[in-house]
C-alpha atoms as a PDB file:
ATOM      1  CA  MET A   1      -6.336  -8.658  14.265  1.00  0.00           C
ATOM      2  CA  LYS A   2      -5.344  -5.416  13.176  1.00  0.00           C
ATOM      3  CA  ALA A   3      -6.508  -3.742   9.803  1.00  0.00           C
ATOM      4  CA  VAL A   4      -4.336  -1.365   7.334  1.00  0.00           C
ATOM      5  CA  THR A   5      -5.052  -0.438   3.682  1.00  0.00           C
ATOM      6  CA  GLY A   6      -3.134  -1.507   1.072  1.00  0.00           C
ATOM      7  CA  VAL A   7      -2.742  -0.367  -2.568  1.00  0.00           C
ATOM      8  CA  ILE A   8      -1.727  -1.847  -5.270  1.00  0.00           C
ATOM      9  CA  ARG A   9      -0.472  -0.243  -8.593  1.00  0.00           C
ATOM     10  CA  LYS A  10       1.652  -0.643 -11.554  1.00  0.00           C
ATOM     11  CA  GLY A  11       4.729   0.745 -11.956  1.00  0.00           C
ATOM     12  CA  GLN A  12       7.476   0.677 -14.824  1.00  0.00           C
ATOM     13  CA  LYS A  13       8.418  -3.127 -14.775  1.00  0.00           C
ATOM     14  CA  TYR A  14       6.435  -4.616 -11.284  1.00  0.00           C
ATOM     15  CA  TYR A  15       3.039  -3.943  -9.410  1.00  0.00           C
ATOM     16  CA  ILE A  16       4.211  -2.065  -5.910  1.00  0.00           C
ATOM     17  CA  GLY A  17       2.172  -2.409  -2.604  1.00  0.00           C
ATOM     18  CA  GLU A  18       1.790   0.278  -0.164  1.00  0.00           C
ATOM     19  CA  CYS A  19       0.094   0.254   3.330  1.00  0.00           C
ATOM     20  CA  LEU A  20      -1.343   4.125   4.036  1.00  0.00           C
ATOM     21  CA  GLU A  21      -1.359   4.054   7.483  1.00  0.00           C
ATOM     22  CA  ILE A  22       2.291   2.542   8.364  1.00  0.00           C
ATOM     23  CA  ASP A  23       5.801   2.619   6.405  1.00  0.00           C
ATOM     24  CA  VAL A  24       5.550  -0.125   4.631  1.00  0.00           C
ATOM     25  CA  VAL A  25       6.339  -0.787   0.680  1.00  0.00           C
ATOM     26  CA  THR A  26       7.008  -4.265  -1.416  1.00  0.00           C
ATOM     27  CA  GLN A  27       6.726  -5.026  -5.043  1.00  0.00           C
ATOM     28  CA  GLY A  28       5.653  -8.376  -6.804  1.00  0.00           C
ATOM     29  CA  LYS A  29       5.983  -9.231 -10.544  1.00  0.00           C
ATOM     30  CA  THR A  30       2.145  -9.776 -10.247  1.00  0.00           C
ATOM     31  CA  ILE A  31      -0.684  -7.955  -8.371  1.00  0.00           C
ATOM     32  CA  ASP A  32      -1.101 -11.885  -6.118  1.00  0.00           C
ATOM     33  CA  GLU A  33       2.746 -11.585  -5.989  1.00  0.00           C
ATOM     34  CA  ALA A  34       2.344  -7.796  -4.730  1.00  0.00           C
ATOM     35  CA  LEU A  35      -0.259  -8.428  -2.836  1.00  0.00           C
ATOM     36  CA  SER A  36       1.415 -11.561  -0.630  1.00  0.00           C
ATOM     37  CA  ASN A  37       4.205  -9.573  -0.364  1.00  0.00           C
ATOM     38  CA  LEU A  38       2.466  -6.404   0.632  1.00  0.00           C
ATOM     39  CA  LYS A  39       0.633  -8.884   3.643  1.00  0.00           C
ATOM     40  CA  GLU A  40       3.652 -10.635   4.752  1.00  0.00           C
ATOM     41  CA  ALA A  41       5.693  -7.665   5.274  1.00  0.00           C
ATOM     42  CA  VAL A  42       3.276  -5.566   7.176  1.00  0.00           C
ATOM     43  CA  ALA A  43       3.238  -8.696   9.241  1.00  0.00           C
ATOM     44  CA  LEU A  44       6.885  -8.017  10.063  1.00  0.00           C
ATOM     45  CA  TYR A  45       6.122  -4.474  10.703  1.00  0.00           C
ATOM     46  CA  PHE A  46       3.874  -5.709  13.338  1.00  0.00           C
ATOM     47  CA  GLU A  47       6.125  -8.763  14.714  1.00  0.00           C
ATOM     48  CA  GLY A  48       9.293  -6.515  14.748  1.00  0.00           C
ATOM     49  CA  ALA A  49       7.777  -3.661  16.663  1.00  0.00           C
ATOM     50  CA  PRO A  50       8.129  -3.640  20.704  1.00  0.00           C
ATOM     51  CA  THR A  51       4.606  -2.247  20.921  1.00  0.00           C
ATOM     52  CA  PRO A  52       2.605  -1.943  17.618  1.00  0.00           C
ATOM     53  CA  SER A  53       0.292   0.501  17.120  1.00  0.00           C
ATOM     54  CA  ILE A  54      -1.951   2.013  14.994  1.00  0.00           C
ATOM     55  CA  ALA A  55      -3.117   5.711  15.693  1.00  0.00           C
ATOM     56  CA  ALA A  56      -7.174   5.573  16.119  1.00  0.00           C
ATOM     57  CA  GLN A  57      -8.284   7.178  12.936  1.00  0.00           C
ATOM     58  CA  GLU A  58     -11.091   6.919  10.266  1.00  0.00           C
ATOM     59  CA  PRO A  59     -10.444   4.200   7.405  1.00  0.00           C
ATOM     60  CA  PRO A  60      -8.569   6.856   4.289  1.00  0.00           C
ATOM     61  CA  LEU A  61     -10.765   7.748   1.589  1.00  0.00           C
ATOM     62  CA  LEU A  62      -9.497   6.895  -2.047  1.00  0.00           C
ATOM     63  CA  VAL A  63     -10.823   8.490  -4.878  1.00  0.00           C
ATOM     64  CA  THR A  64     -10.414   8.652  -8.464  1.00  0.00           C
ATOM     65  CA  ILE A  65      -9.340  12.049 -10.177  1.00  0.00           C
ATOM     66  CA  GLY A  66     -10.408  12.327 -13.819  1.00  0.00           C
ATOM     67  CA  VAL A  67      -8.100  15.235 -15.262  1.00  0.00           C
ATOM     68  CA  GLU A  68      -7.891  15.842 -18.899  1.00  0.00           C
ATOM     69  CA  GLU A  69      -4.743  15.343 -21.234  1.00  0.00           C
ATOM     70  CA  TYR A  70      -3.924  18.807 -22.291  1.00  0.00           C
ATOM     71  CA  ALA A  71      -1.000  19.281 -25.684  1.00  0.00           C
ATOM     72  CA  SER A  72       1.935  20.679 -24.367  1.00  0.00           C
ATOM     73  CA  PRO A  73       3.109  23.981 -25.741  1.00  0.00           C
END
């Protein structure tokens, strides 16, 4: 079993699901739908690739950065 990192974020209208290790992006009306669609898209990616592989690497470090809001001039 391969493991990849998925990120779900709120877009303007839909939730967007994106995989960090491979070029796979999808969307859904809910978080659950976006996650389900992302799982399916990742599975299809590996199914369709002749020799699917992910380079051996450390898992990405996800951080939240707080930025103060500044008044516009």
